[in-house]
Amino acid sequence: MSLMLGNPHSDVPIKNQVETKGKKKIGRGCANYHPSVWGDRFVTLSPDEMASTTCVIEIDEVTKRRAVKLKEQLKKMLLNVSDSLQELNLINEIQRLGVAYHFEKEIKDALSRMHDAHINGNDISDDLHAVALWFRLLRQQGYNVSSNVFRRFKDENGEFKATLKDDIRGLLSLYEAAYLGTREDNILDEAINFTTEHLKSAMSHLSSPLSTLVQFALDLPLHKCVERLQSRYYISIYQEEERNDILLEFAKFDFNMLQSLHKKELSDISRWWKENDFSTKLPFIRDRIVELYFWILEVYFEPQYARARRMMTTIISLTSILDDIYDVHGTLEELELYTVAIERWDRAIMDQLPDYMKVHYNALLNAVEKFEDELSKEGKSYRIPYLKKALTLLAKGYLEEARWTSEEYVPTLEEYMKIALITNGYPMLSVASLVGMGDIVTKEAFEWAINVPKVVEASAVICRLRDDITSNEFEQERTHVVSGIHCYMKEHGTTYREACKVFLEKTADAWKDANMEWMEPTPVPREVIKRPMNLARVIELLYQHQDSYTNSAFETKEHVTMMLVDPIPV
């Protein structure tokens, strides 16, 4: 594959390289986005926050010894659990509390033993909760264990046994497990319908904290949740249950330690955003740097991915501006010019661009050049051409959609999806997510990502369709851009509600495809595959009820506050 992005006519002015004859202007627009709800809140940390950050990151000796002791105690617990259900529950709690990254080897070894025992014919429990938890944890680890283990819970008519409706814990565990299904797991589709019905019926008489767990699951199943935010909620729930105090204390400590690190990162990226003065120079854009950092924090939150978060947040913020340039502000002629400029990636053509495009183009080139300088010291500069190619493909896709809008052309759904699976940004972000990662990412991983493998395609489908379902009416009012819902309704003569139902079914199928790609054997390390999977999870959160990225003043503000403002009381 050639990754040479230079234009063969790079010495020709870009205005002479694009055909604008007969092109309509899209016209300048203003989407009336609300301003940032954070202002300069994160640009400069307060003295108390700085003191907290220093204290937690450096960790005083007393706290450090306590943390080490707690961690060692938990390792011993994992290694010395004699009861299989107790072991499953402990692993589940460690994962849900957000500290599993400390115990990856211990968890991997435990689940490997369970899988080997199953392969060797050792039967698992007849308890619904135990079987469902076993199934979910093994599939999360990449083992393609058979969903036929749930047939024992069906009656002679092939229906799930009516007596299961009173086993709320079992129903909840089955519900959560069923979302790890593939297109081959019809029994899991039946399980979702069965458990959803009975969990909803049971809600009125459940007591807390079980009722809270059930409500969270019905709102968004665990498999589709972003890990960091889910952990923050679960800590609050877990402390009200019969709990492991050592695990709870360690989870609270770890959350607050990471929150301090994340605040410092957000402060740094917020200063970069402010220094570039994007919101003043480009008043038509969404000023959402805090929300974008939150987005990327849910792609990877662990300390070892600090550089990857910084680089990816920079790229997604510049992509958000690029999206608004193509959707809202640029004329078609200007967008033609800018697409060629991005393809050529040449600072010499800056003068040929309108002033507002110069602001973005200069920032984009500066950022990527800085990444290249940093990576070249480690022999990893080969990553940059992949990023440039992904950005070029994105810009070309944006331009095609701008032409549709200019010509008032409504494509078929097939035509639309061919372009929309690029312009949702997730194929590009899947590549970008690897740029700042460590040695686990190789050139082969970039070749895999740039060719849009099935899991990246599935993530893109989820992003595009969830966005279209939630944002359709707003998008039409804002920019008159082409929507997939609009395409489907026109092509098939359906109502809006019918089109949404089809799109939700397609989204569910995309999750099944992603789940299949997660199973062993994988073409690249699972840490690489996890990035597009996590990107899909962020979309499920942000577009659950509305476009909570564009309209970030309510749900997203609450989530950011929980993650990046308020520490957990210890």
Protein backbone atom coordinates (compact mmCIF):
# COMPACT_ATOMS: atom_id res chain seq x y z
CA MET A 1 0.00 0.00 0.00
CA SER A 2 1.32 3.43 -0.93
CA LEU A 3 0.96 6.14 1.68
CA MET A 4 2.44 8.94 -0.42
CA LEU A 5 0.00 11.79 0.08
CA GLY A 6 1.70 14.48 -1.95
CA ASN A 7 -0.17 15.75 -5.00
CA PRO A 8 1.68 15.14 -8.28
CA HIS A 9 0.83 18.72 -9.28
CA SER A 10 2.05 20.28 -6.04
CA ASP A 11 3.68 23.17 -7.85
CA VAL A 12 0.37 24.23 -9.37
CA PRO A 13 -1.78 26.66 -7.36
CA ILE A 14 -4.64 24.73 -5.80
CA LYS A 15 -7.21 27.12 -7.25
CA ASN A 16 -6.19 25.78 -10.66
CA GLN A 17 -6.51 22.16 -9.52
CA VAL A 18 -10.21 22.14 -8.69
CA GLU A 19 -13.15 22.47 -10.98
CA THR A 20 -15.69 24.95 -9.67
CA LYS A 21 -17.62 25.52 -12.86
CA GLY A 22 -21.33 25.30 -12.26
CA LYS A 23 -20.91 24.70 -8.53
CA LYS A 24 -23.48 26.24 -6.22
CA LYS A 25 -22.37 27.88 -3.02
CA ILE A 26 -23.58 26.24 0.13
CA GLY A 27 -23.55 29.65 1.74
CA ARG A 28 -22.15 30.74 5.06
CA GLY A 29 -24.16 29.62 8.01
CA CYS A 30 -24.23 29.85 11.76
CA ALA A 31 -25.49 26.84 13.65
CA ASN A 32 -26.09 28.87 16.84
CA TYR A 33 -24.23 26.36 18.98
CA HIS A 34 -24.29 27.20 22.64
CA PRO A 35 -20.94 28.42 24.04
CA SER A 36 -18.75 26.25 26.21
CA VAL A 37 -20.42 25.55 29.55
CA TRP A 38 -16.97 25.43 31.17
CA GLY A 39 -15.40 28.71 30.11
CA ASP A 40 -11.82 28.71 31.41
CA ARG A 41 -12.67 26.32 34.26
CA PHE A 42 -9.93 23.86 33.31
CA VAL A 43 -7.42 26.23 31.73
CA THR A 44 -5.77 26.95 35.06
CA LEU A 45 -6.20 24.64 38.01
CA SER A 46 -6.87 26.23 41.39
CA PRO A 47 -4.15 26.12 44.08
CA ASP A 48 -6.11 23.42 45.91
CA GLU A 49 -6.40 21.35 42.75
CA MET A 50 -2.73 21.80 41.98
CA ALA A 51 -1.85 20.72 45.50
CA SER A 52 -4.16 17.72 45.17
CA THR A 53 -2.68 16.85 41.80
CA THR A 54 0.88 17.01 43.10
CA CYS A 55 0.01 15.02 46.19
CA VAL A 56 -1.81 12.26 44.36
CA ILE A 57 0.53 11.88 41.39
CA GLU A 58 3.69 11.87 43.51
CA ILE A 59 1.91 10.06 46.38
CA ASP A 60 3.23 10.64 49.88
CA GLU A 61 4.89 7.64 51.48
CA VAL A 62 2.07 6.80 53.88
CA THR A 63 -0.54 6.77 51.08
CA LYS A 64 1.81 4.90 48.78
CA ARG A 65 2.42 2.15 51.33
CA ARG A 66 -1.32 1.87 51.98
CA ALA A 67 -2.08 1.57 48.26
CA VAL A 68 0.62 -1.06 47.75
CA LYS A 69 -0.69 -3.03 50.72
CA LEU A 70 -4.28 -2.92 49.44
CA LYS A 71 -3.19 -4.01 45.97
CA GLU A 72 -1.18 -6.93 47.33
CA GLN A 73 -4.10 -8.02 49.49
CA LEU A 74 -6.37 -8.02 46.44
CA LYS A 75 -3.85 -10.04 44.43
CA LYS A 76 -3.77 -12.63 47.18
CA MET A 77 -7.57 -12.75 47.21
CA LEU A 78 -7.60 -13.41 43.48
CA LEU A 79 -5.00 -16.15 43.78
CA ASN A 80 -6.58 -17.89 46.76
CA VAL A 81 -10.29 -17.96 46.02
CA SER A 82 -11.48 -21.53 46.41
CA ASP A 83 -15.09 -21.18 45.30
CA SER A 84 -15.63 -20.63 41.55
CA LEU A 85 -18.67 -18.38 41.96
CA GLN A 86 -16.83 -16.30 44.53
CA GLU A 87 -13.96 -15.97 42.06
CA LEU A 88 -16.30 -14.90 39.27
CA ASN A 89 -17.95 -12.32 41.52
CA LEU A 90 -14.59 -10.92 42.64
CA ILE A 91 -13.35 -10.54 39.07
CA ASN A 92 -16.62 -8.89 38.11
CA GLU A 93 -16.40 -6.44 41.00
CA ILE A 94 -12.77 -5.58 40.22
CA GLN A 95 -13.67 -4.91 36.59
CA ARG A 96 -16.77 -2.87 37.34
CA LEU A 97 -14.94 -0.76 39.91
CA GLY A 98 -12.40 0.25 37.26
CA VAL A 99 -9.24 -1.26 38.76
CA ALA A 100 -8.87 -4.38 36.61
CA TYR A 101 -5.90 -2.84 34.79
CA HIS A 102 -3.90 -3.44 37.97
CA PHE A 103 -4.66 -7.17 37.89
CA GLU A 104 -4.60 -8.10 34.20
CA LYS A 105 -2.37 -11.14 34.60
CA GLU A 106 -4.25 -12.54 37.58
CA ILE A 107 -7.61 -12.13 35.85
CA LYS A 108 -6.32 -13.54 32.58
CA ASP A 109 -4.90 -16.60 34.34
CA ALA A 110 -8.10 -17.20 36.31
CA LEU A 111 -10.36 -16.98 33.26
CA SER A 112 -7.96 -19.14 31.25
CA ARG A 113 -8.24 -21.87 33.92
CA MET A 114 -12.04 -21.63 33.81
CA HIS A 115 -12.03 -21.91 30.03
CA ASP A 116 -9.67 -24.89 30.06
CA ALA A 117 -11.80 -26.61 32.67
CA HIS A 118 -14.87 -26.15 30.48
CA ILE A 119 -13.05 -27.48 27.41
CA ASN A 120 -12.00 -30.52 29.43
CA GLY A 121 -15.61 -31.32 30.22
CA ASN A 122 -16.01 -29.85 33.69
CA ASP A 123 -19.61 -28.73 33.94
CA ILE A 124 -20.52 -25.28 35.19
CA SER A 125 -23.19 -24.41 37.71
CA ASP A 126 -26.92 -24.70 37.10
CA ASP A 127 -27.40 -21.32 38.78
CA LEU A 128 -28.47 -18.70 36.21
CA HIS A 129 -26.40 -15.90 37.73
CA ALA A 130 -23.27 -18.08 37.83
CA VAL A 131 -23.63 -19.35 34.27
CA ALA A 132 -24.40 -15.90 32.85
CA LEU A 133 -21.52 -14.27 34.71
CA TRP A 134 -19.15 -17.05 33.61
CA PHE A 135 -20.28 -16.59 30.00
CA ARG A 136 -19.94 -12.80 30.04
CA LEU A 137 -16.52 -12.72 31.67
CA LEU A 138 -15.10 -15.33 29.30
CA ARG A 139 -16.48 -13.61 26.21
CA GLN A 140 -15.12 -10.30 27.48
CA GLN A 141 -11.74 -12.04 27.63
CA GLY A 142 -12.12 -13.11 23.99
CA TYR A 143 -13.13 -16.75 24.48
CA ASN A 144 -15.84 -17.81 22.05
CA VAL A 145 -17.72 -19.96 24.54
CA SER A 146 -21.01 -21.32 23.23
CA SER A 147 -24.30 -19.62 24.03
CA ASN A 148 -25.81 -23.12 24.16
CA VAL A 149 -24.96 -23.10 27.87
CA PHE A 150 -28.25 -21.23 28.32
CA ARG A 151 -30.39 -23.98 26.81
CA ARG A 152 -30.60 -25.63 30.22
CA PHE A 153 -32.77 -22.68 31.31
CA LYS A 154 -35.45 -23.39 28.70
CA ASP A 155 -38.54 -25.53 29.08
CA GLU A 156 -39.87 -28.29 26.83
CA ASN A 157 -41.49 -25.67 24.57
CA GLY A 158 -38.19 -23.95 23.88
CA GLU A 159 -39.06 -20.92 26.03
CA PHE A 160 -37.10 -19.59 28.97
CA LYS A 161 -38.56 -21.08 32.12
CA ALA A 162 -41.26 -18.96 33.74
CA THR A 163 -39.76 -19.63 37.19
CA LEU A 164 -36.71 -17.55 36.25
CA LYS A 165 -38.72 -14.33 36.46
CA ASP A 166 -38.33 -14.29 40.24
CA ASP A 167 -34.53 -14.61 40.08
CA ILE A 168 -33.71 -10.93 39.60
CA ARG A 169 -29.95 -11.30 40.03
CA GLY A 170 -29.96 -14.14 37.53
CA LEU A 171 -32.12 -12.19 35.07
CA LEU A 172 -29.83 -9.17 35.35
CA SER A 173 -26.73 -11.29 34.76
CA LEU A 174 -28.34 -12.99 31.75
CA TYR A 175 -29.42 -9.60 30.39
CA GLU A 176 -25.84 -8.26 30.62
CA ALA A 177 -24.36 -11.44 29.13
CA ALA A 178 -26.75 -11.46 26.18
CA TYR A 179 -25.28 -8.24 24.74
CA LEU A 180 -22.03 -10.05 23.96
CA GLY A 181 -23.81 -12.07 21.29
CA THR A 182 -22.92 -12.46 17.63
CA ARG A 183 -25.19 -13.00 14.63
CA GLU A 184 -25.07 -16.74 15.35
CA ASP A 185 -26.41 -16.41 18.91
CA ASN A 186 -30.17 -16.40 18.39
CA ILE A 187 -30.73 -17.62 21.93
CA LEU A 188 -29.16 -14.41 23.23
CA ASP A 189 -31.63 -12.30 21.25
CA GLU A 190 -34.38 -14.28 22.95
CA ALA A 191 -32.65 -13.72 26.29
CA ILE A 192 -32.63 -9.95 25.79
CA ASN A 193 -36.37 -9.91 25.11
CA PHE A 194 -37.16 -12.25 28.03
CA THR A 195 -34.99 -10.48 30.62
CA THR A 196 -35.99 -6.97 29.53
CA GLU A 197 -39.67 -7.78 29.95
CA HIS A 198 -39.30 -9.27 33.42
CA LEU A 199 -36.75 -6.77 34.72
CA LYS A 200 -39.05 -3.90 33.75
CA SER A 201 -41.97 -5.65 35.48
CA ALA A 202 -39.91 -6.17 38.63
CA MET A 203 -38.70 -2.56 38.95
CA SER A 204 -41.71 -1.40 40.99
CA HIS A 205 -40.96 -3.71 43.91
CA LEU A 206 -37.16 -3.83 43.92
CA SER A 207 -35.25 -2.15 46.72
CA SER A 208 -32.05 -0.15 46.34
CA PRO A 209 -29.25 -0.77 45.38
CA LEU A 210 -30.55 -3.63 43.19
CA SER A 211 -33.20 -1.39 41.64
CA THR A 212 -30.49 1.12 40.72
CA LEU A 213 -28.40 -1.58 39.05
CA VAL A 214 -31.39 -2.80 37.08
CA GLN A 215 -32.35 0.71 35.97
CA PHE A 216 -28.80 1.47 34.82
CA ALA A 217 -28.72 -1.79 32.87
CA LEU A 218 -32.06 -1.13 31.18
CA ASP A 219 -30.90 2.36 30.22
CA LEU A 220 -27.65 1.07 28.74
CA PRO A 221 -26.30 -2.49 29.10
CA LEU A 222 -22.87 -2.87 30.65
CA HIS A 223 -21.24 -4.05 27.42
CA LYS A 224 -22.14 -0.75 25.76
CA CYS A 225 -21.10 1.42 28.71
CA VAL A 226 -17.94 3.50 28.79
CA GLU A 227 -15.73 1.95 31.42
CA ARG A 228 -14.56 4.96 33.39
CA LEU A 229 -17.96 6.59 33.90
CA GLN A 230 -19.60 3.25 34.63
CA SER A 231 -17.00 2.63 37.34
CA ARG A 232 -17.75 5.99 38.94
CA TYR A 233 -21.44 5.10 39.19
CA TYR A 234 -20.72 1.56 40.35
CA ILE A 235 -18.51 2.72 43.24
CA SER A 236 -21.51 4.60 44.63
CA ILE A 237 -23.74 1.55 44.23
CA TYR A 238 -21.17 -0.96 45.50
CA GLN A 239 -20.65 0.81 48.80
CA GLU A 240 -24.34 0.31 49.56
CA GLU A 241 -24.15 -3.45 48.94
CA GLU A 242 -22.52 -6.27 50.86
CA ARG A 243 -19.05 -5.24 49.88
CA ASN A 244 -15.36 -6.01 50.05
CA ASP A 245 -13.99 -3.04 52.02
CA ILE A 246 -10.43 -3.55 50.83
CA LEU A 247 -11.55 -3.48 47.21
CA LEU A 248 -13.78 -0.46 47.78
CA GLU A 249 -11.02 1.54 49.46
CA PHE A 250 -8.57 0.71 46.69
CA ALA A 251 -11.12 1.63 43.99
CA LYS A 252 -11.79 5.03 45.59
CA PHE A 253 -8.09 5.73 45.96
CA ASP A 254 -7.40 4.73 42.36
CA PHE A 255 -10.27 6.81 40.98
CA ASN A 256 -9.12 9.96 42.76
CA MET A 257 -5.50 9.39 41.77
CA LEU A 258 -6.43 9.03 38.12
CA GLN A 259 -8.81 11.98 38.30
CA SER A 260 -5.93 14.20 39.37
CA LEU A 261 -3.83 12.99 36.46
CA HIS A 262 -6.73 13.53 34.05
CA LYS A 263 -7.37 17.06 35.38
CA LYS A 264 -3.77 17.98 34.69
CA GLU A 265 -4.01 16.59 31.15
CA LEU A 266 -7.25 18.48 30.54
CA SER A 267 -5.69 21.68 31.84
CA ASP A 268 -2.81 21.30 29.38
CA ILE A 269 -5.07 20.61 26.39
CA SER A 270 -7.42 23.46 27.42
CA ARG A 271 -4.50 25.89 27.44
CA TRP A 272 -3.51 24.75 23.95
CA TRP A 273 -7.10 25.35 22.79
CA LYS A 274 -7.19 28.81 24.40
CA GLU A 275 -3.77 29.80 23.06
CA ASN A 276 -4.98 29.02 19.54
CA ASP A 277 -8.07 31.17 20.26
CA PHE A 278 -10.26 28.93 18.12
CA SER A 279 -13.57 30.04 19.64
CA THR A 280 -12.86 33.72 18.81
CA LYS A 281 -11.23 33.27 15.42
CA LEU A 282 -13.77 30.64 14.33
CA PRO A 283 -17.01 31.70 16.05
CA PHE A 284 -19.12 29.25 14.00
CA ILE A 285 -17.57 26.12 15.60
CA ARG A 286 -18.60 24.03 18.59
CA ASP A 287 -16.39 25.09 21.51
CA ARG A 288 -16.19 21.67 23.17
CA ILE A 289 -12.59 20.93 24.17
CA VAL A 290 -13.63 19.65 27.62
CA GLU A 291 -16.24 17.32 26.15
CA LEU A 292 -13.73 16.07 23.58
CA TYR A 293 -11.21 15.22 26.27
CA PHE A 294 -13.98 13.37 28.12
CA TRP A 295 -14.71 11.51 24.85
CA ILE A 296 -11.10 10.36 24.51
CA LEU A 297 -10.78 9.61 28.23
CA GLU A 298 -13.39 6.92 27.66
CA VAL A 299 -11.33 5.47 24.80
CA TYR A 300 -8.44 4.92 27.20
CA PHE A 301 -8.17 6.14 30.80
CA GLU A 302 -5.16 4.20 32.09
CA PRO A 303 -1.98 6.12 33.08
CA GLN A 304 0.16 4.47 30.39
CA TYR A 305 -1.99 6.05 27.67
CA ALA A 306 -1.39 9.67 28.68
CA ARG A 307 0.41 10.55 25.44
CA ALA A 308 -2.16 8.74 23.35
CA ARG A 309 -4.93 10.77 25.04
CA ARG A 310 -3.09 14.04 24.41
CA MET A 311 -2.51 13.29 20.73
CA MET A 312 -5.97 11.90 20.10
CA THR A 313 -7.73 14.78 21.87
CA THR A 314 -5.76 17.21 19.71
CA ILE A 315 -6.82 15.36 16.56
CA ILE A 316 -10.49 14.99 17.49
CA SER A 317 -10.72 18.67 18.42
CA LEU A 318 -9.27 19.71 15.05
CA THR A 319 -11.61 17.23 13.38
CA SER A 320 -14.60 18.80 15.12
CA ILE A 321 -13.56 22.17 13.66
CA LEU A 322 -13.09 20.56 10.24
CA ASP A 323 -16.58 19.08 10.46
CA ASP A 324 -18.06 22.51 11.21
CA ILE A 325 -16.10 24.11 8.37
CA TYR A 326 -17.57 21.65 5.87
CA ASP A 327 -21.06 21.44 7.37
CA VAL A 328 -21.69 25.01 8.43
CA HIS A 329 -19.34 27.66 7.15
CA GLY A 330 -17.51 26.94 3.91
CA THR A 331 -18.73 27.64 0.41
CA LEU A 332 -18.38 24.73 -1.97
CA GLU A 333 -15.54 26.43 -3.84
CA GLU A 334 -13.64 26.99 -0.60
CA LEU A 335 -14.20 23.40 0.44
CA GLU A 336 -12.87 22.16 -2.88
CA LEU A 337 -9.73 24.20 -2.29
CA TYR A 338 -9.34 23.03 1.29
CA THR A 339 -9.70 19.36 0.42
CA VAL A 340 -6.80 19.64 -2.02
CA ALA A 341 -4.78 21.53 0.61
CA ILE A 342 -5.26 18.76 3.15
CA GLU A 343 -4.36 16.15 0.55
CA ARG A 344 -1.16 18.00 -0.34
CA TRP A 345 -0.22 18.73 3.30
CA ASP A 346 1.98 21.64 2.32
CA ARG A 347 2.50 24.83 4.34
CA ALA A 348 3.43 26.71 1.15
CA ILE A 349 -0.21 26.77 0.03
CA MET A 350 -1.43 28.53 3.17
CA ASP A 351 -1.74 31.90 1.41
CA GLN A 352 -4.26 30.52 -1.07
CA LEU A 353 -6.78 29.72 1.66
CA PRO A 354 -9.40 32.02 3.21
CA ASP A 355 -8.32 33.46 6.56
CA TYR A 356 -10.58 31.21 8.65
CA MET A 357 -9.19 28.10 6.94
CA LYS A 358 -5.65 29.31 7.56
CA VAL A 359 -6.34 29.20 11.30
CA HIS A 360 -7.34 25.57 11.15
CA TYR A 361 -4.78 24.46 8.58
CA ASN A 362 -1.91 26.03 10.49
CA ALA A 363 -3.02 24.38 13.74
CA LEU A 364 -3.42 21.01 12.02
CA LEU A 365 0.00 21.12 10.42
CA ASN A 366 1.64 22.31 13.64
CA ALA A 367 0.04 19.54 15.67
CA VAL A 368 0.97 16.71 13.31
CA GLU A 369 4.51 18.06 12.84
CA LYS A 370 4.90 18.10 16.63
CA PHE A 371 3.69 14.50 16.83
CA GLU A 372 6.15 13.49 14.11
CA ASP A 373 9.08 15.13 15.90
CA GLU A 374 8.16 13.36 19.13
CA LEU A 375 7.66 9.96 17.54
CA SER A 376 10.77 10.14 15.35
CA LYS A 377 12.93 10.04 18.50
CA GLU A 378 11.49 6.57 19.15
CA GLY A 379 11.68 5.34 15.57
CA LYS A 380 7.89 5.59 15.21
CA SER A 381 7.52 8.40 12.69
CA TYR A 382 6.15 5.79 10.23
CA ARG A 383 2.82 6.28 12.01
CA ILE A 384 2.29 9.82 10.73
CA PRO A 385 1.61 9.03 7.03
CA TYR A 386 -1.23 6.74 8.14
CA LEU A 387 -2.75 9.59 10.14
CA LYS A 388 -2.41 11.97 7.19
CA LYS A 389 -4.02 9.49 4.85
CA ALA A 390 -6.93 8.96 7.24
CA LEU A 391 -7.45 12.72 7.55
CA THR A 392 -7.32 13.12 3.77
CA LEU A 393 -9.97 10.43 3.27
CA LEU A 394 -12.14 12.17 5.86
CA ALA A 395 -11.86 15.55 4.12
CA LYS A 396 -12.73 13.98 0.76
CA GLY A 397 -15.78 12.40 2.31
CA TYR A 398 -16.85 15.71 3.84
CA LEU A 399 -16.52 17.30 0.42
CA GLU A 400 -18.74 14.69 -1.22
CA GLU A 401 -21.45 15.33 1.37
CA ALA A 402 -21.08 19.08 0.81
CA ARG A 403 -21.69 18.50 -2.91
CA TRP A 404 -24.87 16.57 -2.12
CA THR A 405 -26.07 19.46 0.00
CA SER A 406 -25.15 22.02 -2.66
CA GLU A 407 -26.98 20.06 -5.36
CA GLU A 408 -29.89 19.18 -3.03
CA TYR A 409 -29.24 15.57 -3.92
CA VAL A 410 -30.67 12.80 -1.75
CA PRO A 411 -28.65 9.61 -2.32
CA THR A 412 -29.83 6.07 -1.80
CA LEU A 413 -29.00 4.61 1.59
CA GLU A 414 -26.27 2.51 -0.02
CA GLU A 415 -24.68 5.60 -1.59
CA TYR A 416 -25.06 7.50 1.65
CA MET A 417 -23.50 4.81 3.86
CA LYS A 418 -20.49 4.41 1.56
CA ILE A 419 -19.53 8.01 2.31
CA ALA A 420 -21.09 8.34 5.76
CA LEU A 421 -19.00 5.48 7.16
CA ILE A 422 -15.99 7.69 6.44
CA THR A 423 -17.42 11.06 7.45
CA ASN A 424 -18.62 9.92 10.87
CA GLY A 425 -14.91 10.16 11.66
CA TYR A 426 -14.49 6.81 13.37
CA PRO A 427 -12.23 5.14 10.77
CA MET A 428 -9.92 8.15 11.04
CA LEU A 429 -10.13 8.20 14.86
CA SER A 430 -9.41 4.46 14.99
CA VAL A 431 -6.13 5.21 13.22
CA ALA A 432 -5.49 8.31 15.35
CA SER A 433 -6.06 6.32 18.54
CA LEU A 434 -2.96 4.23 17.76
CA VAL A 435 -0.57 7.09 17.02
CA GLY A 436 0.42 7.83 20.61
CA MET A 437 0.28 4.29 21.97
CA GLY A 438 3.33 2.26 22.94
CA ASP A 439 5.25 -0.60 21.38
CA ILE A 440 2.21 -2.90 21.30
CA VAL A 441 1.18 -0.96 18.19
CA THR A 442 3.19 -1.98 15.13
CA LYS A 443 3.15 -1.02 11.47
CA GLU A 444 0.97 -4.07 10.89
CA ALA A 445 -1.60 -2.62 13.29
CA PHE A 446 -1.73 0.58 11.24
CA GLU A 447 -2.13 -1.40 8.02
CA TRP A 448 -5.00 -3.23 9.71
CA ALA A 449 -6.66 -0.02 10.90
CA ILE A 450 -6.29 2.04 7.71
CA ASN A 451 -8.04 -0.69 5.71
CA VAL A 452 -11.18 -0.39 7.88
CA PRO A 453 -11.46 -3.94 9.28
CA LYS A 454 -14.83 -5.28 10.37
CA VAL A 455 -14.63 -3.98 13.94
CA VAL A 456 -13.79 -0.46 12.74
CA GLU A 457 -16.60 -0.65 10.19
CA ALA A 458 -18.99 -1.82 12.92
CA SER A 459 -17.93 1.04 15.17
CA ALA A 460 -18.49 3.46 12.29
CA VAL A 461 -21.95 2.03 11.60
CA ILE A 462 -22.89 2.43 15.26
CA CYS A 463 -21.60 6.00 15.26
CA ARG A 464 -23.31 6.98 12.02
CA LEU A 465 -26.69 5.42 12.73
CA ARG A 466 -26.91 6.48 16.38
CA ASP A 467 -26.02 10.02 15.31
CA ASP A 468 -28.60 9.98 12.50
CA ILE A 469 -31.36 8.68 14.76
CA THR A 470 -30.73 11.24 17.47
CA SER A 471 -29.63 14.27 15.47
CA ASN A 472 -31.83 14.07 12.35
CA GLU A 473 -34.27 16.88 13.11
CA PHE A 474 -31.62 19.20 14.53
CA GLU A 475 -29.27 18.56 11.60
CA GLN A 476 -31.97 19.35 9.07
CA GLU A 477 -32.81 22.63 10.79
CA ARG A 478 -29.17 23.56 11.31
CA THR A 479 -27.47 22.93 7.99
CA HIS A 480 -29.80 20.98 5.69
CA VAL A 481 -27.12 18.31 5.43
CA VAL A 482 -28.11 14.91 4.08
CA SER A 483 -29.26 12.48 6.77
CA GLY A 484 -29.39 8.68 6.56
CA ILE A 485 -32.88 8.75 8.04
CA HIS A 486 -33.96 11.13 5.27
CA CYS A 487 -32.37 8.87 2.62
CA TYR A 488 -34.11 5.77 3.95
CA MET A 489 -37.51 7.45 4.27
CA LYS A 490 -37.38 8.74 0.70
CA GLU A 491 -36.07 5.48 -0.77
CA HIS A 492 -38.49 3.16 1.04
CA GLY A 493 -41.47 5.46 1.63
CA THR A 494 -41.44 4.92 5.40
CA THR A 495 -42.22 7.12 8.38
CA TYR A 496 -39.53 8.59 10.61
CA ARG A 497 -40.38 6.10 13.35
CA GLU A 498 -40.13 3.14 10.95
CA ALA A 499 -36.77 4.35 9.68
CA CYS A 500 -35.47 4.72 13.25
CA LYS A 501 -36.54 1.15 14.03
CA VAL A 502 -34.58 -0.17 11.03
CA PHE A 503 -31.53 1.87 12.03
CA LEU A 504 -31.68 0.51 15.60
CA GLU A 505 -31.75 -3.03 14.20
CA LYS A 506 -28.75 -2.26 12.02
CA THR A 507 -26.95 -0.83 15.06
CA ALA A 508 -27.63 -4.03 17.03
CA ASP A 509 -26.22 -6.09 14.14
CA ALA A 510 -23.12 -3.90 14.07
CA TRP A 511 -22.53 -4.63 17.76
CA LYS A 512 -22.79 -8.35 16.99
CA ASP A 513 -20.17 -7.96 14.26
CA ALA A 514 -17.87 -6.09 16.64
CA ASN A 515 -18.33 -8.82 19.26
CA MET A 516 -17.31 -11.45 16.72
CA GLU A 517 -14.14 -9.53 15.87
CA TRP A 518 -13.27 -9.43 19.59
CA MET A 519 -13.05 -13.23 19.78
CA GLU A 520 -9.82 -15.21 19.58
CA PRO A 521 -7.88 -15.43 17.38
CA THR A 522 -7.48 -11.74 16.59
CA PRO A 523 -5.34 -10.27 13.77
CA VAL A 524 -3.88 -7.60 16.08
CA PRO A 525 -3.53 -7.34 19.88
CA ARG A 526 -6.80 -6.89 21.72
CA GLU A 527 -5.53 -3.58 23.13
CA VAL A 528 -5.64 -2.30 19.54
CA ILE A 529 -9.13 -3.68 18.86
CA LYS A 530 -10.36 -2.17 22.11
CA ARG A 531 -10.03 1.39 20.73
CA PRO A 532 -12.78 1.20 18.06
CA MET A 533 -14.89 -0.80 20.51
CA ASN A 534 -14.56 1.98 23.08
CA LEU A 535 -15.29 4.61 20.45
CA ALA A 536 -18.60 2.85 19.80
CA ARG A 537 -19.34 2.89 23.52
CA VAL A 538 -18.81 6.65 23.72
CA ILE A 539 -21.35 7.16 20.94
CA GLU A 540 -23.89 5.00 22.77
CA LEU A 541 -23.50 7.33 25.75
CA LEU A 542 -23.40 10.68 23.94
CA TYR A 543 -26.29 9.88 21.60
CA GLN A 544 -28.43 7.88 24.02
CA HIS A 545 -31.15 10.54 24.39
CA GLN A 546 -29.94 13.45 22.24
CA ASP A 547 -26.76 14.76 20.63
CA SER A 548 -25.06 15.36 23.98
CA TYR A 549 -21.85 16.50 22.33
CA THR A 550 -23.35 19.39 20.40
CA ASN A 551 -25.86 20.04 23.21
CA SER A 552 -23.55 19.44 26.14
CA ALA A 553 -25.13 21.63 28.81
CA PHE A 554 -27.03 18.89 30.61
CA GLU A 555 -26.16 15.16 30.58
CA THR A 556 -22.58 15.58 29.40
CA LYS A 557 -21.97 18.37 31.88
CA GLU A 558 -23.09 16.06 34.67
CA HIS A 559 -20.84 13.28 33.41
CA VAL A 560 -17.82 15.58 33.11
CA THR A 561 -18.45 16.86 36.63
CA MET A 562 -18.47 13.32 38.01
CA MET A 563 -15.33 12.37 36.12
CA LEU A 564 -13.20 15.50 36.18
CA VAL A 565 -14.44 17.84 38.90
CA ASP A 566 -15.71 15.99 41.98
CA PRO A 567 -13.43 13.47 43.70
CA ILE A 568 -14.97 10.54 45.55
CA PRO A 569 -15.20 11.07 49.32
CA VAL A 570 -12.94 8.56 51.04
